[in-house]
């Protein structure tokens, strides 16, 4: 990459990073943790993700898998001619536990977000609710920075990563 192009890329990255809203990330992460969504009961989390995608102006597709369980797909359409590659981020909304299991102790294993020493603790934050939040907030930062990509960005929040028998 030539020096002027490298400088432009660094300036663009700095501009996008300046548009990241840490408080929105923390708030959304706490909201996501506070919504219990054990496998088979992801409905409220799906509704939350649909609302989050719609608030960004994404085109939302609701794919009902079973009653009360739906995959939620948000598409941020690019500004290109339709030939540019799309980028998809996929994360599951369900948690493998409910948080009420007797073997789960401590602040990190309950559907109750705790912010402590700059860290967010709670059931699902590390698998995969945190990723769903980051993917959503990355699109929000790009939008705030005025970035328009040529290809689409597709965000998928899906059910049933862990199916129990």
Foldseek 3Di string as FASTA:
>chain_A
DDPVVVVVVVVLVVLLVVLQDVVQLVVQLQVLLLDFAAAPQCLVVLVVLQVLLVVLVFDWDWAAPDVSFTKIKTKDAFDAPPPDDEAEDEAESHFNDRLPDPVDDDQQRHSGWDQDPNDIGGGCCVHPSVVLSVLSSSSVSCVSSVHGHRGMYMYMYHGDPDDDD
